[in-house]
């Protein structure tokens, strides 16, 4: 998850608990999927858009609050920047019942709105929504939390960057037969529009790799603390050198996906503007290679994600407007 400091005002415990500014990691995939639905299919369903946005933000906030709660409960090292200053429960001396109530309320809102969205669309939204809820729950909760394993980067990138982008497209075009279920004579047949599904995958890849890199940078900075707290994250398994190499490779995959999507015709030509972000992103990668610090250089991964995604959204939107 994205970590951010700067909540010093009294009464901001909720904003700190759910780390509201970090929800940008969900908003960008949502925007890209929505604009792509307009660009590729000429469809925009405002009611479905609003339902999904609120449900998505509530689930994201609940996941972050649960993450902070489980970090608080399972922490072995109970002093230092990551515990006393970062965790809202410690910083604001929150009661556990209050935290559990916040998590439960957010999850309830997300479930209710998700069910309404399912009723308005089809089974695909329900299934993907259930998958999202499942991974949100086991990310930091249960006997084997994903955040304490080498799978954190893969799962967060896939769910937040991939599934959110796909659902953001699908809620507008659910009747376009991208995925089709046919029950006939006791047989279930699933039809997939491979070409269009591949298109959605490629337009989602820059978001998936960017979000994975935020997690990777976070875990690389926290290697010592994670080792003490028995969090066997990806950098601890593959080593810092390989983690940094993967950090650079993932950005390359994202840029390659945009270029291919433009060449194939899935994205408008204006999206080539994303390539301009290579220069600031490269500078930040070099900076992170030189020093892996939560206080000083972790923010470069967030800056890279916002830079790439921001230009991505604007360039796609410009392409739609010119169309």
Protein backbone atom coordinates (compact mmCIF):
# COMPACT_ATOMS: atom_id res chain seq x y z
CA UNK A 1 0.00 0.00 0.00
CA UNK A 2 1.08 3.59 -0.55
CA UNK A 3 2.33 5.21 2.63
CA UNK A 4 2.20 8.96 3.18
CA UNK A 5 2.95 11.30 6.07
CA UNK A 6 1.73 14.75 6.99
CA UNK A 7 -1.51 14.29 9.00
CA UNK A 8 -0.86 16.49 12.02
CA UNK A 9 -4.21 18.25 12.45
CA UNK A 10 -6.35 17.13 15.35
CA UNK A 11 -9.35 15.09 14.22
CA UNK A 12 -7.73 13.72 11.07
CA UNK A 13 -7.43 10.23 12.52
CA UNK A 14 -9.91 8.84 9.99
CA UNK A 15 -8.00 10.29 7.02
CA UNK A 16 -4.81 8.84 8.41
CA UNK A 17 -6.37 5.47 9.21
CA UNK A 18 -7.67 5.00 5.65
CA UNK A 19 -4.77 6.98 4.08
CA UNK A 20 -7.17 8.85 1.82
CA UNK A 21 -4.56 10.44 -0.51
CA UNK A 22 -3.35 6.95 -1.47
CA UNK A 23 -6.72 6.17 -3.07
CA UNK A 24 -5.26 7.72 -6.21
CA UNK A 25 -3.98 4.20 -6.89
CA UNK A 26 -7.61 3.15 -7.41
CA UNK A 27 -8.86 6.33 -9.08
CA UNK A 28 -6.45 6.23 -12.01
CA UNK A 29 -7.43 2.69 -13.13
CA UNK A 30 -11.07 3.75 -12.73
CA UNK A 31 -10.53 6.80 -14.97
CA UNK A 32 -8.56 4.88 -17.59
CA UNK A 33 -11.23 2.17 -17.79
CA UNK A 34 -14.03 4.73 -18.05
CA UNK A 35 -12.35 6.77 -20.79
CA UNK A 36 -11.42 3.59 -22.67
CA UNK A 37 -15.08 2.51 -22.66
CA UNK A 38 -15.94 5.80 -24.35
CA UNK A 39 -12.99 5.63 -26.77
CA UNK A 40 -13.30 2.00 -27.80
CA UNK A 41 -17.03 1.31 -27.48
CA UNK A 42 -18.66 4.75 -27.36
CA UNK A 43 -20.46 3.88 -24.11
CA UNK A 44 -20.87 5.71 -20.79
CA UNK A 45 -23.33 4.69 -18.05
CA UNK A 46 -23.32 7.44 -15.41
CA UNK A 47 -25.32 5.53 -12.77
CA UNK A 48 -23.05 2.48 -12.96
CA UNK A 49 -20.03 4.77 -12.89
CA UNK A 50 -21.13 6.43 -9.63
CA UNK A 51 -22.05 3.12 -7.98
CA UNK A 52 -18.70 1.58 -8.82
CA UNK A 53 -16.68 4.62 -7.76
CA UNK A 54 -18.19 4.81 -4.27
CA UNK A 55 -18.02 1.03 -3.75
CA UNK A 56 -14.40 0.96 -4.96
CA UNK A 57 -13.26 3.82 -2.70
CA UNK A 58 -15.00 2.32 0.34
CA UNK A 59 -13.40 -1.08 -0.23
CA UNK A 60 -9.99 0.50 -0.78
CA UNK A 61 -10.29 2.53 2.44
CA UNK A 62 -11.46 -0.55 4.35
CA UNK A 63 -8.49 -2.56 3.05
CA UNK A 64 -6.03 0.15 4.12
CA UNK A 65 -7.63 0.47 7.56
CA UNK A 66 -7.49 -3.32 7.97
CA UNK A 67 -3.85 -3.27 6.86
CA UNK A 68 -3.01 -0.68 9.55
CA UNK A 69 -5.01 -2.62 12.13
CA UNK A 70 -3.23 -5.91 11.41
CA UNK A 71 0.18 -4.18 11.36
CA UNK A 72 -0.68 -2.82 14.81
CA UNK A 73 -1.82 -6.20 16.13
CA UNK A 74 1.03 -8.25 14.68
CA UNK A 75 3.92 -5.83 15.17
CA UNK A 76 6.94 -7.25 16.94
CA UNK A 77 9.03 -4.10 16.59
CA UNK A 78 6.91 -1.50 18.44
CA UNK A 79 9.06 1.60 18.09
CA UNK A 80 10.42 3.76 15.31
CA UNK A 81 9.09 5.62 12.25
CA UNK A 82 6.91 2.87 10.82
CA UNK A 83 5.15 2.10 14.09
CA UNK A 84 4.89 5.24 16.22
CA UNK A 85 4.60 7.79 13.42
CA UNK A 86 3.05 5.88 10.55
CA UNK A 87 0.34 3.76 12.13
CA UNK A 88 -2.76 5.87 12.86
CA UNK A 89 -3.92 3.56 15.65
CA UNK A 90 -0.76 4.26 17.65
CA UNK A 91 -0.36 7.90 16.63
CA UNK A 92 -3.92 8.87 17.56
CA UNK A 93 -4.36 6.30 20.35
CA UNK A 94 -7.45 4.85 18.67
CA UNK A 95 -9.62 2.23 20.34
CA UNK A 96 -9.68 -1.13 18.58
CA UNK A 97 -13.49 -1.14 18.59
CA UNK A 98 -13.49 2.19 16.74
CA UNK A 99 -11.17 0.83 14.08
CA UNK A 100 -13.24 -2.34 13.66
CA UNK A 101 -16.43 -0.26 13.37
CA UNK A 102 -14.88 1.89 10.62
CA UNK A 103 -13.75 -1.19 8.69
CA UNK A 104 -17.13 -2.90 9.03
CA UNK A 105 -19.06 0.20 7.94
CA UNK A 106 -16.91 0.74 4.85
CA UNK A 107 -17.16 -2.92 3.84
CA UNK A 108 -20.95 -2.89 4.29
CA UNK A 109 -21.34 0.15 2.02
CA UNK A 110 -19.09 -1.44 -0.60
CA UNK A 111 -21.04 -4.73 -0.53
CA UNK A 112 -24.46 -3.07 -0.82
CA UNK A 113 -23.41 -0.86 -3.73
CA UNK A 114 -21.61 -3.77 -5.37
CA UNK A 115 -24.78 -5.87 -5.26
CA UNK A 116 -26.78 -3.03 -6.80
CA UNK A 117 -24.18 -2.77 -9.56
CA UNK A 118 -24.41 -6.54 -10.15
CA UNK A 119 -28.20 -6.32 -10.48
CA UNK A 120 -27.77 -3.57 -13.07
CA UNK A 121 -25.17 -5.51 -15.08
CA UNK A 122 -24.45 -9.25 -15.03
CA UNK A 123 -22.65 -12.18 -13.41
CA UNK A 124 -19.17 -11.06 -14.48
CA UNK A 125 -19.33 -8.00 -12.22
CA UNK A 126 -20.47 -10.14 -9.29
CA UNK A 127 -17.65 -12.68 -9.78
CA UNK A 128 -14.93 -10.04 -10.15
CA UNK A 129 -16.35 -8.12 -7.21
CA UNK A 130 -16.15 -11.27 -5.08
CA UNK A 131 -12.55 -11.81 -6.18
CA UNK A 132 -11.71 -8.23 -5.22
CA UNK A 133 -13.35 -8.61 -1.79
CA UNK A 134 -11.55 -11.91 -1.22
CA UNK A 135 -8.09 -10.49 -1.89
CA UNK A 136 -8.89 -7.31 0.03
CA UNK A 137 -9.73 -9.46 3.05
CA UNK A 138 -6.77 -11.84 2.95
CA UNK A 139 -4.26 -9.14 2.03
CA UNK A 140 -3.53 -8.49 5.70
CA UNK A 141 -5.95 -10.79 7.52
CA UNK A 142 -6.00 -14.52 8.13
CA UNK A 143 -3.32 -17.14 8.90
CA UNK A 144 -1.24 -16.25 5.81
CA UNK A 145 -1.71 -12.53 4.96
CA UNK A 146 -0.60 -11.73 1.40
CA UNK A 147 1.16 -8.55 2.57
CA UNK A 148 3.57 -10.74 4.53
CA UNK A 149 4.43 -12.93 1.54
CA UNK A 150 6.27 -12.42 -1.78
CA UNK A 151 2.87 -12.18 -3.55
CA UNK A 152 1.98 -8.69 -2.36
CA UNK A 153 3.23 -6.89 -5.47
CA UNK A 154 1.56 -9.33 -7.88
CA UNK A 155 -1.82 -9.33 -6.13
CA UNK A 156 -2.01 -5.56 -5.54
CA UNK A 157 -1.03 -4.79 -9.14
CA UNK A 158 -3.43 -7.34 -10.59
CA UNK A 159 -6.44 -6.41 -8.45
CA UNK A 160 -6.04 -2.62 -8.30
CA UNK A 161 -4.49 -2.05 -11.70
CA UNK A 162 -6.09 -4.90 -13.65
CA UNK A 163 -9.47 -5.85 -12.19
CA UNK A 164 -10.50 -2.27 -11.39
CA UNK A 165 -9.62 -1.19 -14.94
CA UNK A 166 -11.55 -4.10 -16.42
CA UNK A 167 -14.68 -3.56 -14.31
CA UNK A 168 -14.51 0.17 -15.09
CA UNK A 169 -14.78 -0.74 -18.76
CA UNK A 170 -17.21 -3.62 -18.36
CA UNK A 171 -19.94 -1.79 -16.41
CA UNK A 172 -20.50 0.35 -19.52
CA UNK A 173 -20.34 -2.46 -22.10
CA UNK A 174 -21.69 -5.51 -20.24
CA UNK A 175 -24.14 -6.14 -23.11
CA UNK A 176 -21.38 -6.16 -25.77
CA UNK A 177 -20.62 -9.87 -25.22
CA UNK A 178 -17.01 -9.44 -24.12
CA UNK A 179 -17.66 -12.37 -21.80
CA UNK A 180 -20.69 -14.54 -22.45
CA UNK A 181 -22.18 -17.40 -20.41
CA UNK A 182 -24.52 -19.80 -22.21
CA UNK A 183 -26.32 -22.64 -20.38
CA UNK A 184 -27.80 -25.15 -22.78
CA UNK A 185 -28.72 -28.83 -22.42
CA UNK A 186 -26.88 -29.09 -19.11
CA UNK A 187 -23.70 -27.55 -20.50
CA UNK A 188 -22.17 -24.21 -19.57
CA UNK A 189 -20.34 -22.51 -22.41
CA UNK A 190 -18.18 -19.44 -21.81
CA UNK A 191 -17.51 -17.20 -24.79
CA UNK A 192 -14.60 -14.74 -24.69
CA UNK A 193 -13.89 -11.89 -27.09
CA UNK A 194 -10.13 -12.49 -26.96
CA UNK A 195 -9.15 -9.49 -29.07
CA UNK A 196 -11.04 -6.94 -26.95
CA UNK A 197 -10.03 -8.60 -23.68
CA UNK A 198 -6.37 -8.43 -24.73
CA UNK A 199 -6.87 -4.76 -25.50
CA UNK A 200 -8.13 -4.11 -21.98
CA UNK A 201 -5.20 -6.09 -20.55
CA UNK A 202 -2.65 -4.02 -22.44
CA UNK A 203 -4.20 -0.68 -21.55
CA UNK A 204 -4.22 -1.81 -17.89
CA UNK A 205 -0.58 -2.97 -17.80
CA UNK A 206 0.98 0.48 -17.11
CA UNK A 207 -1.32 0.80 -14.10
CA UNK A 208 -0.63 -2.74 -12.92
CA UNK A 209 3.15 -2.30 -13.07
CA UNK A 210 3.01 1.16 -11.49
CA UNK A 211 0.99 -0.06 -8.52
CA UNK A 212 3.19 -3.15 -8.14
CA UNK A 213 6.23 -0.88 -8.07
CA UNK A 214 4.75 1.21 -5.25
CA UNK A 215 4.45 -1.98 -3.22
CA UNK A 216 7.91 -3.12 -4.31
CA UNK A 217 9.49 0.21 -3.32
CA UNK A 218 7.64 0.15 0.00
CA UNK A 219 8.86 -3.35 0.80
CA UNK A 220 12.40 -2.63 -0.37
CA UNK A 221 12.60 0.33 2.00
CA UNK A 222 11.19 -1.76 4.85
CA UNK A 223 13.42 -4.83 4.48
CA UNK A 224 15.03 -4.54 7.92
CA UNK A 225 11.77 -3.84 9.75
CA UNK A 226 9.95 -6.54 7.77
CA UNK A 227 12.61 -9.09 8.71
CA UNK A 228 12.20 -8.25 12.40
CA UNK A 229 8.39 -8.43 12.08
CA UNK A 230 8.59 -11.72 10.13
CA UNK A 231 7.12 -10.25 6.97
CA UNK A 232 8.75 -12.30 4.21
CA UNK A 233 8.12 -9.89 1.36
CA UNK A 234 9.41 -10.16 -2.20
CA UNK A 235 12.62 -8.11 -1.68
CA UNK A 236 13.58 -10.33 1.27
CA UNK A 237 13.10 -13.44 -0.86
CA UNK A 238 14.85 -12.30 -4.05
CA UNK A 239 17.31 -9.86 -2.49
CA UNK A 240 17.63 -6.09 -2.77
CA UNK A 241 19.65 -6.14 -6.00
CA UNK A 242 17.05 -8.22 -7.86
CA UNK A 243 14.24 -6.15 -6.35
CA UNK A 244 15.76 -2.99 -7.80
CA UNK A 245 16.23 -4.67 -11.18
CA UNK A 246 12.59 -5.76 -11.16
CA UNK A 247 11.60 -2.21 -10.22
CA UNK A 248 13.14 -0.90 -13.45
CA UNK A 249 11.86 -3.77 -15.63
CA UNK A 250 8.25 -3.25 -14.55
CA UNK A 251 8.32 0.35 -15.76
CA UNK A 252 9.70 -0.88 -19.09
CA UNK A 253 6.80 -3.35 -19.43
CA UNK A 254 4.30 -0.56 -18.82
CA UNK A 255 5.78 1.67 -21.51
CA UNK A 256 5.98 -1.25 -23.92
CA UNK A 257 2.29 -2.03 -23.36
CA UNK A 258 1.26 1.55 -24.21
CA UNK A 259 3.36 1.56 -27.37
CA UNK A 260 1.94 -1.76 -28.56
CA UNK A 261 -1.63 -0.72 -27.74
CA UNK A 262 -1.22 2.42 -29.86
CA UNK A 263 0.29 0.47 -32.75
CA UNK A 264 -2.50 -2.13 -32.69
CA UNK A 265 -5.18 0.55 -32.49
CA UNK A 266 -6.53 -0.04 -29.00
CA UNK A 267 -5.32 3.39 -27.86
CA UNK A 268 -5.45 6.72 -29.70
CA UNK A 269 -2.21 8.17 -31.09
CA UNK A 270 -2.29 10.88 -28.44
CA UNK A 271 -1.34 8.26 -25.84
CA UNK A 272 2.19 8.28 -27.26
CA UNK A 273 2.57 11.36 -25.04
CA UNK A 274 3.04 8.88 -22.17
CA UNK A 275 6.53 8.21 -23.55
CA UNK A 276 7.56 11.74 -22.51
CA UNK A 277 7.30 10.65 -18.88
CA UNK A 278 10.26 8.35 -19.44
CA UNK A 279 12.60 11.21 -18.53
CA UNK A 280 11.30 12.11 -15.04
CA UNK A 281 10.61 8.43 -14.29
CA UNK A 282 14.19 7.50 -15.23
CA UNK A 283 15.53 10.21 -12.90
CA UNK A 284 13.42 8.88 -10.04
CA UNK A 285 14.49 5.29 -10.70
CA UNK A 286 18.15 6.35 -10.53
CA UNK A 287 17.45 8.23 -7.30
CA UNK A 288 15.78 5.17 -5.77
CA UNK A 289 18.65 2.93 -6.90
CA UNK A 290 21.05 5.17 -4.99
CA UNK A 291 19.08 5.15 -1.74
CA UNK A 292 16.12 3.07 -0.54
CA UNK A 293 14.58 5.16 2.24
CA UNK A 294 10.97 5.38 3.40
CA UNK A 295 11.44 9.01 4.41
CA UNK A 296 13.44 10.21 1.41
CA UNK A 297 13.05 8.11 -1.75
CA UNK A 298 9.98 5.90 -1.40
CA UNK A 299 7.92 8.83 -2.64
CA UNK A 300 9.62 8.52 -6.06
CA UNK A 301 7.53 5.42 -6.80
CA UNK A 302 4.35 7.34 -6.01
CA UNK A 303 5.55 10.28 -8.12
CA UNK A 304 6.24 7.92 -11.03
CA UNK A 305 2.79 6.38 -10.81
CA UNK A 306 1.03 9.75 -10.66
CA UNK A 307 3.17 11.14 -13.51
CA UNK A 308 2.63 8.19 -15.85
CA UNK A 309 -1.06 7.77 -14.98
CA UNK A 310 -1.80 11.49 -15.11
CA UNK A 311 -0.36 11.89 -18.60
CA UNK A 312 -2.02 8.61 -19.60
CA UNK A 313 -5.47 9.87 -18.54
CA UNK A 314 -5.05 13.29 -20.15
CA UNK A 315 -3.66 11.94 -23.42
CA UNK A 316 -6.45 9.37 -23.73
CA UNK A 317 -9.06 12.01 -22.92
CA UNK A 318 -7.61 14.33 -25.58
CA UNK A 319 -7.75 11.46 -28.05
CA UNK A 320 -11.43 10.89 -27.25
CA UNK A 321 -12.23 14.59 -27.61
CA UNK A 322 -10.54 14.76 -31.02
CA UNK A 323 -12.51 11.69 -32.12
